[in-house]
Amino acid sequence: MRVDLALSGRIDQQIRNVDSFKSEARAKLHRFVAVGVTLALSIGLTTECLSKTYHVSPAGKDANPGSSDLPCRTIQHVASVMQAGDTCTNHQGTYRETVRPKISGSQERPQRFDAAERQKGYGRDSAGINPSQSWSAAFGREANDA
């Protein structure tokens, strides 16, 4: 009988140890998941925060920072400083230039060249691009198919 009580006490202690281990492991897993989610969200937000919008206007200067108040003059100047995820907003006017971006965007973070809202330009893109000119392929599709 004495042996059974001692064995029973050891078994109870081992069960408490296992329960304690499970509780600690569960807490560590929750912390790990919380840190992982926080890190993933912060990377996503940081990536979005790092995206920049540049403004271009025929009245601007390429020495300007490309803000809406101080736009650059040429799309090419902006294309040479853009990073993945950045946007070039073209304001009303005619842009007679060939644009060759310095780097390429990605599927997740494409570079965008857009017309400023509510401004009239040539054709359906409204960014001052003459649709009668030839187009070159961009990401495997014709740029004028957008």
N, C-alpha and C. Protein backbone atom coordinates (compact mmCIF):
# COMPACT_ATOMS: atom_id res chain seq x y z
N MET A 1 0.82 -1.18 0.00
CA MET A 1 0.00 0.00 0.00
C MET A 1 0.87 1.26 0.00
N ARG A 2 1.92 1.24 0.77
CA ARG A 2 2.84 2.36 0.85
C ARG A 2 3.49 2.64 -0.51
N VAL A 3 3.82 1.60 -1.24
CA VAL A 3 4.42 1.73 -2.57
C VAL A 3 3.43 2.36 -3.52
N ASP A 4 2.17 1.97 -3.44
CA ASP A 4 1.15 2.52 -4.32
C ASP A 4 0.96 4.01 -4.09
N LEU A 5 1.02 4.48 -2.86
CA LEU A 5 0.88 5.90 -2.57
C LEU A 5 2.07 6.68 -3.12
N ALA A 6 3.26 6.15 -3.00
CA ALA A 6 4.46 6.82 -3.50
C ALA A 6 4.40 6.91 -5.02
N LEU A 7 4.00 5.82 -5.64
CA LEU A 7 3.88 5.79 -7.10
C LEU A 7 2.80 6.76 -7.55
N SER A 8 1.70 6.79 -6.84
CA SER A 8 0.62 7.69 -7.17
C SER A 8 1.07 9.15 -7.05
N GLY A 9 1.87 9.45 -6.03
CA GLY A 9 2.39 10.81 -5.85
C GLY A 9 3.30 11.22 -7.00
N ARG A 10 4.15 10.29 -7.44
CA ARG A 10 5.05 10.58 -8.56
C ARG A 10 4.26 10.81 -9.85
N ILE A 11 3.26 10.01 -10.06
CA ILE A 11 2.42 10.15 -11.26
C ILE A 11 1.72 11.50 -11.24
N ASP A 12 1.18 11.88 -10.08
CA ASP A 12 0.53 13.19 -9.96
C ASP A 12 1.51 14.32 -10.26
N GLN A 13 2.74 14.18 -9.76
CA GLN A 13 3.77 15.21 -10.01
C GLN A 13 4.10 15.28 -11.50
N GLN A 14 4.23 14.14 -12.16
CA GLN A 14 4.53 14.13 -13.60
C GLN A 14 3.38 14.74 -14.40
N ILE A 15 2.17 14.48 -13.99
CA ILE A 15 1.02 15.08 -14.67
C ILE A 15 1.05 16.59 -14.52
N ARG A 16 1.38 17.08 -13.31
CA ARG A 16 1.49 18.53 -13.10
C ARG A 16 2.61 19.11 -13.96
N ASN A 17 3.74 18.37 -14.06
CA ASN A 17 4.85 18.83 -14.89
C ASN A 17 4.44 18.92 -16.37
N VAL A 18 3.73 17.91 -16.85
CA VAL A 18 3.26 17.91 -18.24
C VAL A 18 2.29 19.06 -18.47
N ASP A 19 1.35 19.27 -17.54
CA ASP A 19 0.41 20.37 -17.67
C ASP A 19 1.13 21.72 -17.67
N SER A 20 2.12 21.85 -16.83
CA SER A 20 2.90 23.09 -16.77
C SER A 20 3.65 23.31 -18.09
N PHE A 21 4.24 22.22 -18.61
CA PHE A 21 4.96 22.31 -19.88
C PHE A 21 4.01 22.71 -21.01
N LYS A 22 2.82 22.11 -21.04
CA LYS A 22 1.85 22.44 -22.08
C LYS A 22 1.42 23.91 -21.98
N SER A 23 1.23 24.37 -20.77
CA SER A 23 0.83 25.76 -20.56
C SER A 23 1.92 26.73 -21.03
N GLU A 24 3.18 26.42 -20.69
CA GLU A 24 4.30 27.26 -21.13
C GLU A 24 4.46 27.22 -22.65
N ALA A 25 4.32 26.04 -23.23
CA ALA A 25 4.45 25.91 -24.69
C ALA A 25 3.34 26.68 -25.39
N ARG A 26 2.13 26.62 -24.86
CA ARG A 26 1.00 27.34 -25.43
C ARG A 26 1.26 28.85 -25.36
N ALA A 27 1.76 29.34 -24.24
CA ALA A 27 2.06 30.77 -24.08
C ALA A 27 3.16 31.20 -25.05
N LYS A 28 4.19 30.37 -25.22
CA LYS A 28 5.27 30.70 -26.16
C LYS A 28 4.75 30.73 -27.59
N LEU A 29 3.88 29.78 -27.93
CA LEU A 29 3.31 29.75 -29.27
C LEU A 29 2.47 31.00 -29.52
N HIS A 30 1.69 31.41 -28.56
CA HIS A 30 0.88 32.62 -28.71
C HIS A 30 1.76 33.85 -28.90
N ARG A 31 2.86 33.95 -28.13
CA ARG A 31 3.79 35.08 -28.29
C ARG A 31 4.44 35.04 -29.67
N PHE A 32 4.83 33.84 -30.12
CA PHE A 32 5.46 33.69 -31.42
C PHE A 32 4.50 34.12 -32.53
N VAL A 33 3.26 33.68 -32.46
CA VAL A 33 2.26 34.06 -33.47
C VAL A 33 2.00 35.56 -33.42
N ALA A 34 1.90 36.12 -32.22
CA ALA A 34 1.66 37.56 -32.10
C ALA A 34 2.81 38.37 -32.69
N VAL A 35 4.03 37.95 -32.42
CA VAL A 35 5.19 38.65 -32.99
C VAL A 35 5.20 38.50 -34.50
N GLY A 36 4.90 37.30 -35.00
CA GLY A 36 4.86 37.07 -36.44
C GLY A 36 3.82 37.92 -37.14
N VAL A 37 2.63 37.99 -36.57
CA VAL A 37 1.56 38.80 -37.17
C VAL A 37 1.94 40.28 -37.13
N THR A 38 2.47 40.73 -36.00
CA THR A 38 2.90 42.13 -35.89
C THR A 38 3.98 42.45 -36.90
N LEU A 39 4.94 41.56 -37.06
CA LEU A 39 6.02 41.78 -38.03
C LEU A 39 5.47 41.81 -39.45
N ALA A 40 4.60 40.88 -39.78
CA ALA A 40 4.02 40.84 -41.13
C ALA A 40 3.23 42.11 -41.42
N LEU A 41 2.45 42.57 -40.46
CA LEU A 41 1.68 43.80 -40.66
C LEU A 41 2.59 45.01 -40.79
N SER A 42 3.63 45.07 -39.97
CA SER A 42 4.51 46.24 -40.03
C SER A 42 5.29 46.27 -41.34
N ILE A 43 5.68 45.11 -41.85
CA ILE A 43 6.38 45.08 -43.13
C ILE A 43 5.43 45.54 -44.23
N GLY A 44 4.19 45.06 -44.20
CA GLY A 44 3.20 45.47 -45.20
C GLY A 44 2.93 46.96 -45.13
N LEU A 45 2.77 47.50 -43.94
CA LEU A 45 2.50 48.92 -43.79
C LEU A 45 3.72 49.74 -44.17
N THR A 46 4.90 49.26 -43.81
CA THR A 46 6.12 49.97 -44.16
C THR A 46 6.28 50.02 -45.68
N THR A 47 5.99 48.90 -46.33
CA THR A 47 6.08 48.86 -47.78
C THR A 47 5.14 49.87 -48.41
N GLU A 48 3.91 49.93 -47.89
CA GLU A 48 2.95 50.91 -48.40
C GLU A 48 3.41 52.33 -48.11
N CYS A 49 3.93 52.54 -46.92
CA CYS A 49 4.36 53.88 -46.53
C CYS A 49 5.55 54.34 -47.36
N LEU A 50 6.35 53.39 -47.84
CA LEU A 50 7.52 53.76 -48.63
C LEU A 50 7.17 54.09 -50.07
N SER A 51 5.98 53.72 -50.53
CA SER A 51 5.57 54.05 -51.88
C SER A 51 5.36 55.56 -51.98
N LYS A 52 5.82 56.12 -53.08
CA LYS A 52 5.76 57.57 -53.24
C LYS A 52 5.01 57.92 -54.51
N THR A 53 4.32 59.05 -54.49
CA THR A 53 3.66 59.56 -55.68
C THR A 53 4.39 60.81 -56.12
N TYR A 54 4.85 60.78 -57.36
CA TYR A 54 5.52 61.93 -57.97
C TYR A 54 4.54 62.62 -58.91
N HIS A 55 4.65 63.94 -59.02
CA HIS A 55 3.78 64.71 -59.91
C HIS A 55 4.64 65.32 -61.01
N VAL A 56 4.06 65.31 -62.23
CA VAL A 56 4.74 65.87 -63.40
C VAL A 56 3.80 66.87 -64.05
N SER A 57 4.36 68.00 -64.45
CA SER A 57 3.59 69.04 -65.14
C SER A 57 4.51 69.74 -66.13
N PRO A 58 3.99 70.12 -67.31
CA PRO A 58 4.82 70.87 -68.25
C PRO A 58 5.33 72.19 -67.64
N ALA A 59 4.66 72.68 -66.61
CA ALA A 59 5.10 73.92 -65.96
C ALA A 59 6.09 73.65 -64.83
N GLY A 60 6.40 72.38 -64.54
CA GLY A 60 7.30 72.04 -63.45
C GLY A 60 8.76 72.15 -63.84
N LYS A 61 9.62 71.77 -62.91
CA LYS A 61 11.08 71.74 -63.13
C LYS A 61 11.61 70.41 -62.61
N ASP A 62 12.53 69.82 -63.35
CA ASP A 62 13.09 68.55 -62.92
C ASP A 62 13.91 68.67 -61.63
N ALA A 63 14.28 69.87 -61.25
CA ALA A 63 14.99 70.08 -59.98
C ALA A 63 14.03 70.02 -58.79
N ASN A 64 12.73 70.08 -59.06
CA ASN A 64 11.72 70.02 -58.00
C ASN A 64 11.63 68.60 -57.42
N PRO A 65 11.06 68.47 -56.22
CA PRO A 65 10.94 67.15 -55.60
C PRO A 65 9.84 66.27 -56.19
N GLY A 66 8.99 66.83 -57.04
CA GLY A 66 7.91 66.03 -57.63
C GLY A 66 6.66 65.98 -56.77
N SER A 67 6.52 66.92 -55.86
CA SER A 67 5.30 66.98 -55.04
C SER A 67 4.19 67.62 -55.86
N SER A 68 2.98 67.64 -55.34
CA SER A 68 1.88 68.25 -56.08
C SER A 68 2.09 69.77 -56.19
N ASP A 69 2.73 70.37 -55.20
CA ASP A 69 3.01 71.82 -55.23
C ASP A 69 4.22 72.17 -56.09
N LEU A 70 5.19 71.25 -56.13
CA LEU A 70 6.43 71.48 -56.89
C LEU A 70 6.68 70.28 -57.80
N PRO A 71 5.91 70.17 -58.90
CA PRO A 71 6.05 69.01 -59.78
C PRO A 71 7.33 69.05 -60.62
N CYS A 72 7.71 67.87 -61.08
CA CYS A 72 8.82 67.77 -62.04
C CYS A 72 8.29 68.12 -63.42
N ARG A 73 9.20 68.34 -64.35
CA ARG A 73 8.80 68.70 -65.71
C ARG A 73 8.63 67.49 -66.62
N THR A 74 9.50 66.51 -66.50
CA THR A 74 9.46 65.38 -67.44
C THR A 74 9.14 64.07 -66.75
N ILE A 75 8.42 63.25 -67.49
CA ILE A 75 8.07 61.92 -67.00
C ILE A 75 9.36 61.09 -66.87
N GLN A 76 10.29 61.28 -67.80
CA GLN A 76 11.54 60.51 -67.76
C GLN A 76 12.32 60.80 -66.48
N HIS A 77 12.34 62.05 -66.04
CA HIS A 77 13.05 62.36 -64.80
C HIS A 77 12.46 61.56 -63.64
N VAL A 78 11.15 61.54 -63.55
CA VAL A 78 10.49 60.79 -62.48
C VAL A 78 10.74 59.30 -62.66
N ALA A 79 10.67 58.80 -63.89
CA ALA A 79 10.89 57.37 -64.16
C ALA A 79 12.29 56.94 -63.75
N SER A 80 13.23 57.86 -63.76
CA SER A 80 14.60 57.51 -63.40
C SER A 80 14.82 57.44 -61.89
N VAL A 81 13.90 57.99 -61.10
CA VAL A 81 14.05 57.94 -59.64
C VAL A 81 13.00 57.06 -58.96
N MET A 82 12.00 56.61 -59.71
CA MET A 82 10.94 55.79 -59.13
C MET A 82 11.46 54.44 -58.67
N GLN A 83 10.82 53.93 -57.61
CA GLN A 83 11.08 52.59 -57.10
C GLN A 83 9.82 51.75 -57.30
N ALA A 84 9.92 50.47 -57.02
CA ALA A 84 8.75 49.58 -57.12
C ALA A 84 7.65 50.11 -56.21
N GLY A 85 6.43 50.17 -56.73
CA GLY A 85 5.29 50.64 -55.95
C GLY A 85 5.01 52.12 -56.07
N ASP A 86 5.92 52.88 -56.69
CA ASP A 86 5.73 54.32 -56.83
C ASP A 86 4.77 54.64 -57.98
N THR A 87 4.22 55.86 -57.94
CA THR A 87 3.28 56.33 -58.96
C THR A 87 3.75 57.66 -59.51
N CYS A 88 3.63 57.81 -60.81
CA CYS A 88 3.91 59.08 -61.49
C CYS A 88 2.56 59.62 -61.96
N THR A 89 2.15 60.75 -61.40
CA THR A 89 0.88 61.37 -61.77
C THR A 89 1.17 62.50 -62.75
N ASN A 90 0.66 62.35 -63.97
CA ASN A 90 0.91 63.32 -65.03
C ASN A 90 -0.24 64.32 -65.11
N HIS A 91 0.10 65.59 -64.95
CA HIS A 91 -0.92 66.64 -65.01
C HIS A 91 -1.10 67.10 -66.45
N GLN A 92 -2.17 67.80 -66.70
CA GLN A 92 -2.57 68.19 -68.05
C GLN A 92 -1.43 68.87 -68.79
N GLY A 93 -1.27 68.44 -70.03
CA GLY A 93 -0.24 69.00 -70.90
C GLY A 93 0.21 67.96 -71.90
N THR A 94 1.12 68.36 -72.76
CA THR A 94 1.65 67.46 -73.77
C THR A 94 3.07 67.08 -73.38
N TYR A 95 3.35 65.80 -73.39
CA TYR A 95 4.67 65.29 -73.04
C TYR A 95 5.24 64.59 -74.27
N ARG A 96 6.18 65.21 -74.91
CA ARG A 96 6.80 64.62 -76.11
C ARG A 96 8.16 64.07 -75.69
N GLU A 97 8.14 62.85 -75.22
CA GLU A 97 9.37 62.23 -74.73
C GLU A 97 9.24 60.72 -74.75
N THR A 98 10.36 60.08 -74.78
CA THR A 98 10.41 58.63 -74.65
C THR A 98 10.73 58.35 -73.18
N VAL A 99 9.97 57.47 -72.58
CA VAL A 99 10.16 57.18 -71.16
C VAL A 99 10.72 55.77 -71.00
N ARG A 100 11.85 55.69 -70.32
CA ARG A 100 12.49 54.40 -70.04
C ARG A 100 12.74 54.33 -68.53
N PRO A 101 11.85 53.65 -67.78
CA PRO A 101 12.06 53.54 -66.33
C PRO A 101 13.41 52.91 -66.01
N LYS A 102 14.03 53.42 -64.95
CA LYS A 102 15.34 52.93 -64.53
C LYS A 102 15.25 51.50 -64.01
N ILE A 103 14.20 51.24 -63.21
CA ILE A 103 13.99 49.89 -62.72
C ILE A 103 12.56 49.48 -63.02
N SER A 104 12.30 48.23 -62.82
CA SER A 104 10.97 47.68 -63.09
C SER A 104 10.23 47.51 -61.78
N GLY A 105 8.93 47.65 -61.81
CA GLY A 105 8.13 47.33 -60.63
C GLY A 105 8.02 45.82 -60.52
N SER A 106 7.11 45.35 -59.71
CA SER A 106 6.88 43.92 -59.58
C SER A 106 5.38 43.65 -59.67
N GLN A 107 5.02 42.39 -59.73
CA GLN A 107 3.61 42.02 -59.80
C GLN A 107 2.87 42.57 -58.57
N GLU A 108 3.52 42.49 -57.41
CA GLU A 108 2.89 42.95 -56.17
C GLU A 108 2.97 44.47 -56.02
N ARG A 109 4.03 45.08 -56.56
CA ARG A 109 4.24 46.52 -56.39
C ARG A 109 4.62 47.14 -57.74
N PRO A 110 3.66 47.26 -58.64
CA PRO A 110 3.98 47.82 -59.96
C PRO A 110 4.23 49.32 -59.89
N GLN A 111 5.01 49.80 -60.83
CA GLN A 111 5.14 51.25 -61.01
C GLN A 111 3.95 51.69 -61.85
N ARG A 112 3.36 52.83 -61.48
CA ARG A 112 2.18 53.31 -62.20
C ARG A 112 2.47 54.68 -62.79
N PHE A 113 1.95 54.89 -63.99
CA PHE A 113 2.01 56.19 -64.66
C PHE A 113 0.56 56.55 -64.95
N ASP A 114 0.02 57.49 -64.18
CA ASP A 114 -1.40 57.82 -64.25
C ASP A 114 -1.61 59.28 -64.62
N ALA A 115 -2.80 59.55 -65.14
CA ALA A 115 -3.22 60.93 -65.38
C ALA A 115 -3.80 61.50 -64.08
N ALA A 116 -3.57 62.79 -63.88
CA ALA A 116 -4.18 63.45 -62.72
C ALA A 116 -5.69 63.42 -62.90
N GLU A 117 -6.42 63.27 -61.83
CA GLU A 117 -7.88 63.20 -61.90
C GLU A 117 -8.47 64.50 -62.46
N ARG A 118 -9.56 64.32 -63.22
CA ARG A 118 -10.35 65.44 -63.75
C ARG A 118 -9.54 66.38 -64.64
N GLN A 119 -8.53 65.86 -65.32
CA GLN A 119 -7.80 66.70 -66.25
C GLN A 119 -7.88 66.08 -67.63
N LYS A 120 -8.05 66.91 -68.61
CA LYS A 120 -8.24 66.43 -69.98
C LYS A 120 -6.91 66.40 -70.71
N GLY A 121 -6.70 65.33 -71.45
CA GLY A 121 -5.50 65.20 -72.27
C GLY A 121 -5.87 64.53 -73.57
N TYR A 122 -4.94 63.84 -74.18
CA TYR A 122 -5.22 63.11 -75.41
C TYR A 122 -5.78 61.74 -75.10
N GLY A 123 -6.70 61.31 -75.92
CA GLY A 123 -7.16 59.92 -75.90
C GLY A 123 -7.74 59.47 -74.57
N ARG A 124 -7.93 58.16 -74.46
CA ARG A 124 -8.59 57.63 -73.27
C ARG A 124 -7.70 57.62 -72.04
N ASP A 125 -6.37 57.78 -72.20
CA ASP A 125 -5.51 57.76 -71.03
C ASP A 125 -5.46 59.12 -70.33
N SER A 126 -5.83 60.18 -71.01
CA SER A 126 -5.88 61.54 -70.47
C SER A 126 -4.58 61.99 -69.84
N ALA A 127 -3.46 61.44 -70.28
CA ALA A 127 -2.17 61.84 -69.71
C ALA A 127 -1.31 62.56 -70.74
N GLY A 128 -1.91 63.02 -71.82
CA GLY A 128 -1.14 63.74 -72.82
C GLY A 128 -0.34 62.83 -73.73
N ILE A 129 -0.79 61.59 -73.93
CA ILE A 129 -0.10 60.66 -74.81
C ILE A 129 -0.90 60.58 -76.10
N ASN A 130 -0.24 60.78 -77.20
CA ASN A 130 -0.91 60.75 -78.49
C ASN A 130 -1.17 59.30 -78.90
N PRO A 131 -2.44 58.89 -78.98
CA PRO A 131 -2.73 57.49 -79.30
C PRO A 131 -2.39 57.10 -80.73
N SER A 132 -2.06 58.06 -81.58
CA SER A 132 -1.71 57.70 -82.95
C SER A 132 -0.26 57.22 -83.04
N GLN A 133 0.52 57.47 -81.99
CA GLN A 133 1.90 57.01 -81.99
C GLN A 133 1.95 55.52 -81.68
N SER A 134 3.08 54.90 -82.05
CA SER A 134 3.21 53.47 -81.76
C SER A 134 3.48 53.26 -80.27
N TRP A 135 3.11 52.08 -79.80
CA TRP A 135 3.25 51.73 -78.39
C TRP A 135 4.21 50.57 -78.28
N SER A 136 4.82 50.42 -77.15
CA SER A 136 5.65 49.24 -76.92
C SER A 136 5.04 48.41 -75.80
N ALA A 137 5.39 47.14 -75.77
CA ALA A 137 4.82 46.22 -74.79
C ALA A 137 5.29 46.56 -73.38
N ALA A 138 4.38 46.41 -72.42
CA ALA A 138 4.69 46.61 -71.02
C ALA A 138 4.11 45.43 -70.24
N PHE A 139 4.94 44.66 -69.57
CA PHE A 139 4.51 43.48 -68.82
C PHE A 139 3.74 42.51 -69.70
N GLY A 140 4.17 42.37 -70.95
CA GLY A 140 3.57 41.37 -71.82
C GLY A 140 2.24 41.79 -72.43
N ARG A 141 1.84 43.03 -72.28
CA ARG A 141 0.59 43.48 -72.90
C ARG A 141 0.86 44.85 -73.51
N GLU A 142 0.07 45.20 -74.45
CA GLU A 142 0.24 46.51 -75.06
C GLU A 142 -0.17 47.58 -74.07
N ALA A 143 0.64 48.62 -73.95
CA ALA A 143 0.38 49.69 -72.99
C ALA A 143 -0.94 50.38 -73.26
N ASN A 144 -1.36 50.46 -74.53
CA ASN A 144 -2.61 51.16 -74.83
C ASN A 144 -3.83 50.26 -74.64
N ASP A 145 -3.65 49.04 -74.13
CA ASP A 145 -4.78 48.17 -73.81
C ASP A 145 -5.28 48.38 -72.40
N ALA A 146 -4.64 49.26 -71.63
CA ALA A 146 -4.97 49.43 -70.21
C ALA A 146 -6.38 49.92 -70.01
